[in-house]
Amino acid sequence: MPAHQPSRRGNAGRRTGGRGNAGRDAASRARAARSDANRRANLPRRTAYDVLAAVRDREAYANLLLPRLLAERDITGRDAALATELTYGTLRGLGTYDAVLAACSDRPLDKLDPPVLQVLRLGAHQLLATRVGAHAAVATSVDLAKVVAGARVSGYVNAVLRRVATRDLDAWLPLVAPDPAADPDGYLAVRHSYPRWIVGAYRDALGPAAEAELEPALAAGNDRPRVTLAAFPGGPPRDEIMPEGAEPTRWSPYGFTLQGGDPAELVATGTAAVQDEGSQLAAIALARAPVEGPDAVWLDMCAGPGGKARLLDGLAAQAGARLVASDIHPHRAALVSQALTRAPHRAAVVATDGRRPPWRDGAFDRVLVDVPCSGLGALRRRPEARWRKSESDLPALAELQEALLRSALAACRPGGVVAYVTCSPVPAETSDVVAAVVSDTPGVEILDAPAVLPSVPDVSSPTPQFAQLWPHRHATDAIFIALLRRTE
């Protein structure tokens, strides 16, 4: 055979090599496809982890950060639902899961690297409170641990979560929670995932009703709330803008709840705004309270981010009055201005400290002071608040709340009305604050707040003159409302 002619065997070898390359390329593409599929499958878990880490490390708010990450990462549909469930479910159940994890770990939880602990919490939630299969929950948690904490921890994460998977939550509770007969508050703290001090504060807030209602109140703080919106007074009627499947709220004539879906379109057009029914009722209570004399100028003194201001602006216009809204933080005042952009009225917005305001004393006929508080009344929506606050925070909050209430009373003319509102049921932030201010402020009368909300049941316990809403009673946030009239 001439030297320059390749043998058939050699050609055959090259042909075989071509098929081998093609086979290797196909295998590489298959591996890449599997890797991409695994990445997409784990993206909801990684997103939930990123939110948990930001909540812990930067005190981020889950309800603000999670929607942004879902949009940035193009997570939709079932993946978005999974990321949401993992985020909020883990934050709600964190205390319970830590008790179980502590029983399954040979290392103290406070000695673990934070990424490892967050992964374990996410895994525990999947194992104890979702329908995710045990194998998938453990395997995906191990994969996530490798990414965020390194491969060296994978064996530990696998071992701990496999121990968690040996029992369901009901079987774990007798092993990790105190005896309910000997330590009822300790048991409820683990059972419903609360710091013990909040259990005690809820017990005090419920008063005589605590024996029957304490556990339902704690359980309701872990419910997933429906999205509630408010129509604009003077705008299109509620029944005209409610989408299919929405339901009107029980007591606010402006509110409605969504079964599901995204309220963005309604909010973007300005026809409705997201606002809990309890928050709506606080604004309505102020608008309904009887004043003596003129009723021309109203004040929303801690107005950011603008939900109540938007509703109050419409209510004021219907009464022939105008609204002034203020907030100490310029960026929150800007949010109020944005919320009022589509309002056809004359609301003015100012950035100022309500304790040292620019307006003269007695300038307003009605004043709403929705004071900064612990947020323990909105744990359904902001579950991380229970882990951020401690009982030692309450005295400083109460001092601020008293100062703002005194300033609100000074801003109100004789015969006018002040609504003191907090998103908390804790007496140190509610009835105790009102009692302290009224006791040393001459010419202040406490009005009957439940009387201006006659259709709303069971709001007067345990203090008859104040209104206290509860998630387990009213399916609202735990909003407190006191109405005060200046008499001189």
Protein backbone atom coordinates (compact mmCIF):
# COMPACT_ATOMS: atom_id res chain seq x y z
CA MET A 1 0.00 0.00 0.00
CA PRO A 2 1.43 3.41 -0.87
CA ALA A 3 2.67 5.27 2.12
CA HIS A 4 0.58 8.30 1.35
CA GLN A 5 -2.69 6.36 1.37
CA PRO A 6 -4.31 5.98 4.79
CA SER A 7 -5.39 2.49 5.66
CA ARG A 8 -9.06 1.66 6.02
CA ARG A 9 -8.34 0.74 9.60
CA GLY A 10 -6.97 4.20 10.22
CA ASN A 11 -10.05 5.81 8.66
CA ALA A 12 -12.20 3.56 10.72
CA GLY A 13 -10.33 4.64 13.81
CA ARG A 14 -10.88 8.27 13.01
CA ARG A 15 -14.56 7.64 12.38
CA THR A 16 -14.82 5.86 15.70
CA GLY A 17 -13.01 8.71 17.40
CA GLY A 18 -15.53 11.16 15.91
CA ARG A 19 -18.39 9.16 17.34
CA GLY A 20 -16.53 9.08 20.67
CA ASN A 21 -16.21 12.87 20.70
CA ALA A 22 -19.85 13.22 19.84
CA GLY A 23 -20.73 10.85 22.65
CA ARG A 24 -18.60 12.78 25.11
CA ASP A 25 -20.20 16.05 23.96
CA ALA A 26 -23.67 14.60 24.43
CA ALA A 27 -22.74 13.36 27.88
CA SER A 28 -21.35 16.80 28.78
CA ARG A 29 -24.53 18.44 27.57
CA ALA A 30 -26.59 15.99 29.61
CA ARG A 31 -24.51 16.69 32.72
CA ALA A 32 -24.84 20.44 32.13
CA ALA A 33 -28.59 20.06 31.70
CA ARG A 34 -28.83 18.07 34.94
CA SER A 35 -26.69 20.63 36.71
CA ASP A 36 -28.89 23.45 35.44
CA ALA A 37 -32.00 21.53 36.46
CA ASN A 38 -30.54 20.99 39.93
CA ARG A 39 -29.62 24.65 40.15
CA ARG A 40 -33.13 25.69 39.19
CA ALA A 41 -34.61 23.17 41.63
CA ASN A 42 -32.48 24.55 44.45
CA LEU A 43 -32.96 28.22 43.54
CA PRO A 44 -36.07 28.59 45.76
CA ARG A 45 -34.12 27.12 48.69
CA ARG A 46 -31.11 29.33 48.03
CA THR A 47 -33.38 32.35 47.83
CA ALA A 48 -35.03 31.47 51.13
CA TYR A 49 -31.57 31.00 52.65
CA ASP A 50 -30.44 34.40 51.36
CA VAL A 51 -33.45 36.08 52.97
CA LEU A 52 -32.87 34.31 56.30
CA ALA A 53 -29.21 35.31 56.24
CA ALA A 54 -30.08 38.94 55.49
CA VAL A 55 -32.69 39.00 58.27
CA ARG A 56 -30.07 37.75 60.72
CA ASP A 57 -27.02 39.65 59.52
CA ARG A 58 -28.49 42.96 58.30
CA GLU A 59 -31.86 43.06 60.10
CA ALA A 60 -33.54 43.00 56.70
CA TYR A 61 -37.32 42.73 56.47
CA ALA A 62 -38.39 39.49 54.82
CA ASN A 63 -41.59 40.97 53.42
CA LEU A 64 -39.55 43.60 51.56
CA LEU A 65 -36.52 41.55 50.50
CA LEU A 66 -38.17 38.33 49.33
CA PRO A 67 -40.37 39.89 46.59
CA ARG A 68 -37.33 41.75 45.23
CA LEU A 69 -35.21 38.59 45.07
CA LEU A 70 -38.02 36.63 43.41
CA ALA A 71 -38.28 39.29 40.71
CA GLU A 72 -34.52 39.63 40.23
CA ARG A 73 -34.07 35.86 39.90
CA ASP A 74 -37.16 35.38 37.74
CA ILE A 75 -38.67 32.90 40.20
CA THR A 76 -42.37 32.44 39.52
CA GLY A 77 -45.21 29.98 39.97
CA ARG A 78 -44.58 26.93 42.13
CA ASP A 79 -40.94 27.87 42.70
CA ALA A 80 -41.98 31.28 44.05
CA ALA A 81 -44.56 29.60 46.29
CA LEU A 82 -41.90 27.23 47.61
CA ALA A 83 -39.42 30.04 48.31
CA THR A 84 -42.16 31.98 50.12
CA GLU A 85 -43.21 28.99 52.21
CA LEU A 86 -39.63 28.16 53.16
CA THR A 87 -38.83 31.76 54.10
CA TYR A 88 -41.86 32.61 56.19
CA GLY A 89 -42.39 29.11 57.55
CA THR A 90 -38.81 28.91 58.81
CA LEU A 91 -38.99 32.36 60.40
CA ARG A 92 -42.27 31.52 62.13
CA GLY A 93 -41.16 28.13 63.40
CA LEU A 94 -37.57 29.01 64.24
CA GLY A 95 -37.95 28.58 68.01
CA THR A 96 -39.59 25.18 67.66
CA TYR A 97 -37.07 24.00 65.08
CA ASP A 98 -34.14 25.10 67.20
CA ALA A 99 -35.45 23.00 70.09
CA VAL A 100 -35.63 19.93 67.85
CA LEU A 101 -32.27 20.62 66.23
CA ALA A 102 -30.63 21.01 69.65
CA ALA A 103 -31.85 17.51 70.54
CA CYS A 104 -30.43 16.11 67.30
CA SER A 105 -27.05 17.86 67.31
CA ASP A 106 -23.91 16.89 69.20
CA ARG A 107 -22.81 20.52 69.07
CA PRO A 108 -24.49 23.51 70.77
CA LEU A 109 -26.45 25.50 68.19
CA ASP A 110 -24.90 28.78 69.33
CA LYS A 111 -21.46 27.36 68.42
CA LEU A 112 -22.43 26.59 64.83
CA ASP A 113 -21.43 28.83 61.95
CA PRO A 114 -24.52 30.91 61.07
CA PRO A 115 -24.81 29.51 57.50
CA VAL A 116 -24.91 25.97 58.84
CA LEU A 117 -27.62 26.82 61.36
CA GLN A 118 -29.75 28.54 58.71
CA VAL A 119 -29.51 25.50 56.44
CA LEU A 120 -30.50 23.21 59.31
CA ARG A 121 -33.51 25.41 60.08
CA LEU A 122 -34.63 25.33 56.46
CA GLY A 123 -34.23 21.56 56.43
CA ALA A 124 -36.14 21.16 59.70
CA HIS A 125 -39.04 23.21 58.35
CA GLN A 126 -39.26 21.01 55.26
CA LEU A 127 -39.16 17.85 57.36
CA LEU A 128 -41.57 18.93 60.10
CA ALA A 129 -44.05 21.26 58.42
CA THR A 130 -44.23 20.62 54.66
CA ARG A 131 -44.99 17.81 52.26
CA VAL A 132 -41.45 17.73 50.93
CA GLY A 133 -40.22 14.14 51.13
CA ALA A 134 -37.62 13.37 53.78
CA HIS A 135 -35.01 12.24 51.27
CA ALA A 136 -35.42 15.37 49.15
CA ALA A 137 -35.40 17.65 52.19
CA VAL A 138 -32.16 16.16 53.50
CA ALA A 139 -30.43 15.89 50.13
CA THR A 140 -31.22 19.45 49.03
CA SER A 141 -30.17 20.79 52.43
CA VAL A 142 -26.83 18.99 52.15
CA ASP A 143 -26.36 20.44 48.65
CA LEU A 144 -27.18 23.92 49.94
CA ALA A 145 -24.78 23.52 52.87
CA LYS A 146 -21.96 22.66 50.47
CA VAL A 147 -22.58 25.87 48.54
CA VAL A 148 -22.95 28.30 51.46
CA ALA A 149 -20.71 26.67 54.10
CA GLY A 150 -18.37 24.28 52.29
CA ALA A 151 -18.25 20.54 51.70
CA ARG A 152 -16.70 19.82 55.10
CA VAL A 153 -20.05 20.37 56.87
CA SER A 154 -22.12 18.15 54.58
CA GLY A 155 -21.75 15.05 56.76
CA TYR A 156 -22.83 16.93 59.88
CA VAL A 157 -25.87 18.48 58.18
CA ASN A 158 -26.85 15.11 56.76
CA ALA A 159 -26.57 13.39 60.16
CA VAL A 160 -28.56 16.03 62.07
CA LEU A 161 -31.40 16.20 59.55
CA ARG A 162 -31.62 12.43 59.29
CA ARG A 163 -32.19 12.40 63.08
CA VAL A 164 -34.84 15.13 62.75
CA ALA A 165 -36.59 12.98 60.11
CA THR A 166 -37.06 10.08 62.54
CA ARG A 167 -40.14 11.73 64.12
CA ASP A 168 -42.88 14.15 63.12
CA LEU A 169 -43.41 17.40 65.00
CA ASP A 170 -46.12 16.03 67.31
CA ALA A 171 -43.77 13.25 68.37
CA TRP A 172 -40.87 15.63 68.94
CA LEU A 173 -42.76 18.10 71.15
CA PRO A 174 -43.01 15.92 74.28
CA LEU A 175 -39.27 15.35 74.01
CA VAL A 176 -38.12 18.96 73.54
CA ALA A 177 -40.78 21.16 75.20
CA PRO A 178 -41.33 21.65 78.95
CA ASP A 179 -44.15 19.80 80.67
CA PRO A 180 -47.29 21.88 79.95
CA ALA A 181 -48.65 21.22 83.44
CA ALA A 182 -45.48 22.32 85.24
CA ASP A 183 -44.47 25.15 82.87
CA PRO A 184 -47.37 26.17 80.63
CA ASP A 185 -45.71 29.29 79.21
CA GLY A 186 -42.51 27.39 78.49
CA TYR A 187 -44.47 24.69 76.68
CA LEU A 188 -46.42 27.23 74.60
CA ALA A 189 -43.21 29.07 73.74
CA VAL A 190 -41.75 25.92 72.15
CA ARG A 191 -45.04 24.60 70.76
CA HIS A 192 -45.88 27.84 68.92
CA SER A 193 -42.36 29.22 68.45
CA TYR A 194 -42.28 32.40 70.55
CA PRO A 195 -39.85 33.84 73.07
CA ARG A 196 -41.21 33.08 76.53
CA TRP A 197 -41.61 36.77 77.40
CA ILE A 198 -44.05 37.31 74.52
CA VAL A 199 -46.19 34.42 75.75
CA GLY A 200 -46.38 36.17 79.13
CA ALA A 201 -47.14 39.53 77.53
CA TYR A 202 -49.98 38.01 75.49
CA ARG A 203 -51.31 36.39 78.66
CA ASP A 204 -51.36 39.81 80.37
CA ALA A 205 -53.00 41.44 77.34
CA LEU A 206 -55.82 38.89 77.22
CA GLY A 207 -56.53 39.23 80.92
CA PRO A 208 -59.33 36.95 82.15
CA ALA A 209 -59.76 35.55 78.62
CA ALA A 210 -56.21 34.15 78.59
CA GLU A 211 -57.17 30.74 79.96
CA ALA A 212 -59.32 30.04 76.91
CA GLU A 213 -57.65 32.24 74.30
CA LEU A 214 -53.90 32.36 74.89
CA GLU A 215 -53.06 29.33 72.77
CA PRO A 216 -55.41 30.33 69.90
CA ALA A 217 -53.86 33.81 69.95
CA LEU A 218 -50.35 32.40 69.68
CA ALA A 219 -51.38 29.96 66.97
CA ALA A 220 -53.03 32.73 64.96
CA GLY A 221 -49.75 34.65 64.94
CA ASN A 222 -48.37 31.82 62.80
CA ASP A 223 -51.22 31.76 60.28
CA ARG A 224 -50.58 32.83 56.70
CA PRO A 225 -52.67 35.98 56.23
CA ARG A 226 -54.58 36.70 53.06
CA VAL A 227 -53.70 39.85 51.15
CA THR A 228 -56.05 42.65 52.25
CA LEU A 229 -56.55 45.86 50.27
CA ALA A 230 -58.50 49.08 50.76
CA ALA A 231 -60.41 51.02 48.16
CA PHE A 232 -60.09 54.80 48.22
CA PRO A 233 -62.99 56.71 49.81
CA GLY A 234 -64.44 58.87 47.07
CA GLY A 235 -62.94 56.67 44.35
CA PRO A 236 -64.52 53.73 42.52
CA PRO A 237 -66.68 51.70 44.94
CA ARG A 238 -65.14 48.61 46.45
CA ASP A 239 -67.56 46.25 44.74
CA GLU A 240 -66.60 47.63 41.33
CA ILE A 241 -62.87 47.09 41.71
CA MET A 242 -62.77 43.73 43.54
CA PRO A 243 -61.35 41.07 41.21
CA GLU A 244 -63.05 37.72 40.77
CA GLY A 245 -62.72 35.57 43.87
CA ALA A 246 -62.08 38.51 46.22
CA GLU A 247 -64.19 38.87 49.35
CA PRO A 248 -65.25 42.07 51.14
CA THR A 249 -63.86 42.58 54.63
CA ARG A 250 -66.30 42.03 57.44
CA TRP A 251 -66.29 45.47 59.05
CA SER A 252 -64.42 47.98 56.92
CA PRO A 253 -66.63 49.19 54.04
CA TYR A 254 -63.49 49.84 51.98
CA GLY A 255 -61.56 46.59 52.39
CA PHE A 256 -61.43 43.30 50.50
CA THR A 257 -59.21 40.24 50.60
CA LEU A 258 -57.72 38.23 47.75
CA GLN A 259 -57.80 34.45 47.60
CA GLY A 260 -54.45 34.57 45.82
CA GLY A 261 -52.66 36.32 43.01
CA ASP A 262 -50.73 39.54 42.82
CA PRO A 263 -52.33 42.84 43.88
CA ALA A 264 -49.73 44.83 41.90
CA GLU A 265 -52.10 45.90 39.12
CA LEU A 266 -54.71 47.28 41.52
CA VAL A 267 -52.01 49.06 43.50
CA ALA A 268 -50.27 50.43 40.39
CA THR A 269 -53.47 51.99 39.08
CA GLY A 270 -54.17 53.64 42.44
CA THR A 271 -57.61 52.08 42.78
CA ALA A 272 -56.60 50.18 45.94
CA ALA A 273 -53.72 49.85 48.38
CA VAL A 274 -52.54 46.95 50.52
CA GLN A 275 -53.79 47.60 54.06
CA ASP A 276 -54.83 45.26 56.86
CA GLU A 277 -58.45 45.56 57.94
CA GLY A 278 -57.35 46.42 61.48
CA SER A 279 -55.38 49.37 60.16
CA GLN A 280 -58.43 50.46 58.17
CA LEU A 281 -60.59 50.28 61.29
CA ALA A 282 -58.17 52.51 63.21
CA ALA A 283 -58.57 55.26 60.61
CA ILE A 284 -62.33 54.73 60.50
CA ALA A 285 -62.56 54.95 64.31
CA LEU A 286 -60.89 58.36 64.30
CA ALA A 287 -63.17 59.58 61.53
CA ARG A 288 -66.30 58.40 63.37
CA ALA A 289 -65.40 59.69 66.84
CA PRO A 290 -67.59 62.64 67.86
CA VAL A 291 -65.86 66.03 67.99
CA GLU A 292 -67.22 69.23 69.49
CA GLY A 293 -67.05 72.29 67.24
CA PRO A 294 -65.41 72.62 63.82
CA ASP A 295 -64.04 69.63 61.92
CA ALA A 296 -61.81 71.11 59.23
CA VAL A 297 -58.18 69.97 59.67
CA TRP A 298 -56.88 66.49 60.48
CA LEU A 299 -53.36 65.29 61.28
CA ASP A 300 -51.70 61.92 60.69
CA MET A 301 -48.65 62.39 62.89
CA CYS A 302 -46.60 59.22 62.20
CA ALA A 303 -47.85 58.67 58.68
CA GLY A 304 -45.17 56.59 56.94
CA PRO A 305 -45.45 54.61 54.77
CA GLY A 306 -48.88 56.08 54.02
CA GLY A 307 -51.57 53.40 54.25
CA LYS A 308 -53.65 55.10 56.91
CA ALA A 309 -52.93 58.54 55.42
CA ARG A 310 -54.39 57.43 52.11
CA LEU A 311 -57.58 56.24 53.79
CA LEU A 312 -57.75 59.24 56.13
CA ASP A 313 -57.35 61.64 53.22
CA GLY A 314 -60.48 60.25 51.59
CA LEU A 315 -62.41 60.19 54.86
CA ALA A 316 -61.39 63.78 55.61
CA ALA A 317 -62.52 64.92 52.17
CA GLN A 318 -65.91 63.28 52.67
CA ALA A 319 -66.24 65.26 55.92
CA GLY A 320 -65.21 68.50 54.21
CA ALA A 321 -61.83 68.52 55.97
CA ARG A 322 -58.24 68.37 54.75
CA LEU A 323 -55.37 66.24 55.97
CA VAL A 324 -51.82 67.04 57.05
CA ALA A 325 -49.49 64.03 57.19
CA SER A 326 -46.04 63.96 58.75
CA ASP A 327 -43.21 61.54 59.45
CA ILE A 328 -39.83 62.04 61.07
CA HIS A 329 -37.98 60.19 58.30
CA PRO A 330 -37.78 62.00 54.93
CA HIS A 331 -37.84 58.75 52.96
CA ARG A 332 -41.02 57.66 54.73
CA ALA A 333 -42.56 61.07 54.18
CA ALA A 334 -41.76 60.57 50.49
CA LEU A 335 -43.61 57.24 50.59
CA VAL A 336 -46.62 59.04 52.08
CA SER A 337 -46.51 61.59 49.25
CA GLN A 338 -46.37 58.73 46.77
CA ALA A 339 -49.34 57.00 48.42
CA LEU A 340 -51.33 60.22 48.12
CA THR A 341 -50.30 60.97 44.53
CA ARG A 342 -53.64 59.94 43.04
CA ALA A 343 -55.72 61.51 45.79
CA PRO A 344 -57.80 64.37 44.38
CA HIS A 345 -57.66 66.29 47.66
CA ARG A 346 -55.40 68.81 49.36
CA ALA A 347 -53.33 66.68 51.71
CA ALA A 348 -50.02 68.23 52.77
CA VAL A 349 -47.02 66.06 53.69
CA VAL A 350 -44.12 67.25 55.86
CA ALA A 351 -41.01 65.57 57.23
CA THR A 352 -40.77 66.52 60.88
CA ASP A 353 -40.29 65.08 64.35
CA GLY A 354 -43.73 64.76 65.91
CA ARG A 355 -42.22 65.47 69.33
CA ARG A 356 -40.99 68.89 68.16
CA PRO A 357 -43.45 69.84 65.44
CA PRO A 358 -43.65 73.10 63.47
CA TRP A 359 -47.39 73.52 63.93
CA ARG A 360 -48.92 75.49 66.77
CA ASP A 361 -50.71 73.84 69.69
CA GLY A 362 -54.39 73.19 69.13
CA ALA A 363 -54.11 73.38 65.35
CA PHE A 364 -56.06 70.21 64.53
CA ASP A 365 -59.55 68.85 65.05
CA ARG A 366 -58.59 65.18 64.73
CA VAL A 367 -55.17 63.60 65.23
CA LEU A 368 -54.02 60.06 64.49
CA VAL A 369 -50.81 58.99 66.22
CA ASP A 370 -49.88 55.47 65.10
CA VAL A 371 -46.74 55.20 67.18
CA PRO A 372 -43.59 53.14 66.52
CA CYS A 373 -43.90 49.90 68.47
CA SER A 374 -42.60 46.36 68.80
CA GLY A 375 -44.74 45.13 65.90
CA LEU A 376 -45.87 42.14 67.95
CA GLY A 377 -49.38 42.56 66.58
CA ALA A 378 -48.30 41.85 62.99
CA LEU A 379 -46.32 38.64 63.46
CA ARG A 380 -48.37 36.91 60.75
CA ARG A 381 -46.81 39.31 58.24
CA ARG A 382 -43.45 39.99 59.90
CA PRO A 383 -42.57 36.81 61.79
CA GLU A 384 -38.97 37.88 62.37
CA ALA A 385 -40.14 40.66 64.73
CA ARG A 386 -40.56 38.15 67.57
CA TRP A 387 -36.86 37.31 67.42
CA ARG A 388 -35.65 40.91 67.12
CA LYS A 389 -37.36 42.42 70.12
CA SER A 390 -36.72 41.70 73.77
CA GLU A 391 -38.61 42.68 76.88
CA SER A 392 -35.83 45.15 77.68
CA ASP A 393 -36.76 47.12 74.54
CA LEU A 394 -40.21 48.01 75.85
CA PRO A 395 -39.32 50.82 78.33
CA ALA A 396 -37.56 52.87 75.62
CA LEU A 397 -40.43 52.28 73.22
CA ALA A 398 -42.95 53.29 75.88
CA GLU A 399 -41.00 56.49 76.54
CA LEU A 400 -41.18 57.39 72.84
CA GLN A 401 -44.85 56.43 72.65
CA GLU A 402 -45.73 58.60 75.64
CA ALA A 403 -43.85 61.56 74.17
CA LEU A 404 -45.67 61.23 70.84
CA LEU A 405 -49.07 60.91 72.53
CA ARG A 406 -48.42 64.03 74.62
CA SER A 407 -47.47 65.90 71.45
CA ALA A 408 -50.59 64.64 69.67
CA LEU A 409 -52.77 65.87 72.52
CA ALA A 410 -51.06 69.25 72.39
CA ALA A 411 -51.70 69.44 68.64
CA CYS A 412 -55.42 68.78 69.16
CA ARG A 413 -57.73 71.67 69.98
CA PRO A 414 -60.21 71.50 72.89
CA GLY A 415 -63.19 69.47 71.74
CA GLY A 416 -61.09 67.56 69.23
CA VAL A 417 -60.15 63.88 69.27
CA VAL A 418 -56.85 61.95 69.26
CA ALA A 419 -56.60 58.31 68.22
CA TYR A 420 -53.65 56.52 69.83
CA VAL A 421 -52.89 53.40 67.77
CA THR A 422 -50.29 50.65 68.02
CA CYS A 423 -49.76 47.39 66.15
CA SER A 424 -49.20 45.56 69.43
CA PRO A 425 -51.41 43.98 72.10
CA VAL A 426 -48.76 44.30 74.82
CA PRO A 427 -50.03 46.41 77.78
CA ALA A 428 -46.66 48.17 78.18
CA GLU A 429 -47.23 49.71 74.73
CA THR A 430 -50.99 50.15 74.85
CA SER A 431 -53.13 50.70 77.94
CA ASP A 432 -50.17 51.47 80.20
CA VAL A 433 -49.01 54.27 77.88
CA VAL A 434 -52.46 55.83 77.70
CA ALA A 435 -52.92 55.61 81.48
CA ALA A 436 -49.53 57.23 82.14
CA VAL A 437 -50.21 60.16 79.82
CA VAL A 438 -53.80 60.76 80.89
CA SER A 439 -52.86 60.68 84.57
CA ASP A 440 -50.62 63.74 84.29
CA THR A 441 -52.25 65.63 81.38
CA PRO A 442 -55.09 67.91 82.47
CA GLY A 443 -58.24 68.11 80.38
CA VAL A 444 -58.18 64.72 78.66
CA GLU A 445 -61.19 62.40 78.50
CA ILE A 446 -61.01 58.75 77.42
CA LEU A 447 -63.80 57.99 74.94
CA ASP A 448 -65.50 54.66 74.33
CA ALA A 449 -63.57 53.31 71.35
CA PRO A 450 -65.64 50.11 70.92
CA ALA A 451 -68.76 52.28 70.67
CA VAL A 452 -67.57 53.84 67.40
CA LEU A 453 -67.01 50.34 65.98
CA PRO A 454 -70.33 48.79 67.06
CA SER A 455 -70.37 46.05 64.43
CA VAL A 456 -66.98 44.66 65.50
CA PRO A 457 -67.43 42.07 68.28
CA ASP A 458 -65.19 41.30 71.23
CA VAL A 459 -62.89 44.33 71.04
CA SER A 460 -63.30 45.66 74.57
CA SER A 461 -61.55 42.91 76.56
CA PRO A 462 -59.95 43.37 79.02
CA THR A 463 -60.29 47.20 79.20
CA PRO A 464 -63.80 48.34 78.23
CA GLN A 465 -62.90 51.81 76.89
CA PHE A 466 -60.15 50.62 74.55
CA ALA A 467 -60.47 48.57 71.38
CA GLN A 468 -58.08 45.65 70.92
CA LEU A 469 -58.27 43.62 67.73
CA TRP A 470 -56.77 40.12 67.60
CA PRO A 471 -55.85 37.76 64.74
CA HIS A 472 -57.63 34.82 66.39
CA ARG A 473 -60.81 36.82 66.99
CA HIS A 474 -60.96 39.15 64.02
CA ALA A 475 -58.47 37.81 61.43
CA THR A 476 -56.73 41.20 61.55
CA ASP A 477 -53.44 42.36 62.96
CA ALA A 478 -53.55 42.92 66.73
CA ILE A 479 -54.29 46.65 66.49
CA PHE A 480 -54.93 48.69 69.65
CA ILE A 481 -57.11 51.82 69.46
CA ALA A 482 -57.69 54.41 72.20
CA LEU A 483 -59.74 57.56 71.54
CA LEU A 484 -59.04 60.65 73.68
CA ARG A 485 -60.86 63.99 73.68
CA ARG A 486 -59.29 67.25 74.72
CA THR A 487 -61.71 68.95 77.12
CA GLU A 488 -59.64 72.07 77.78
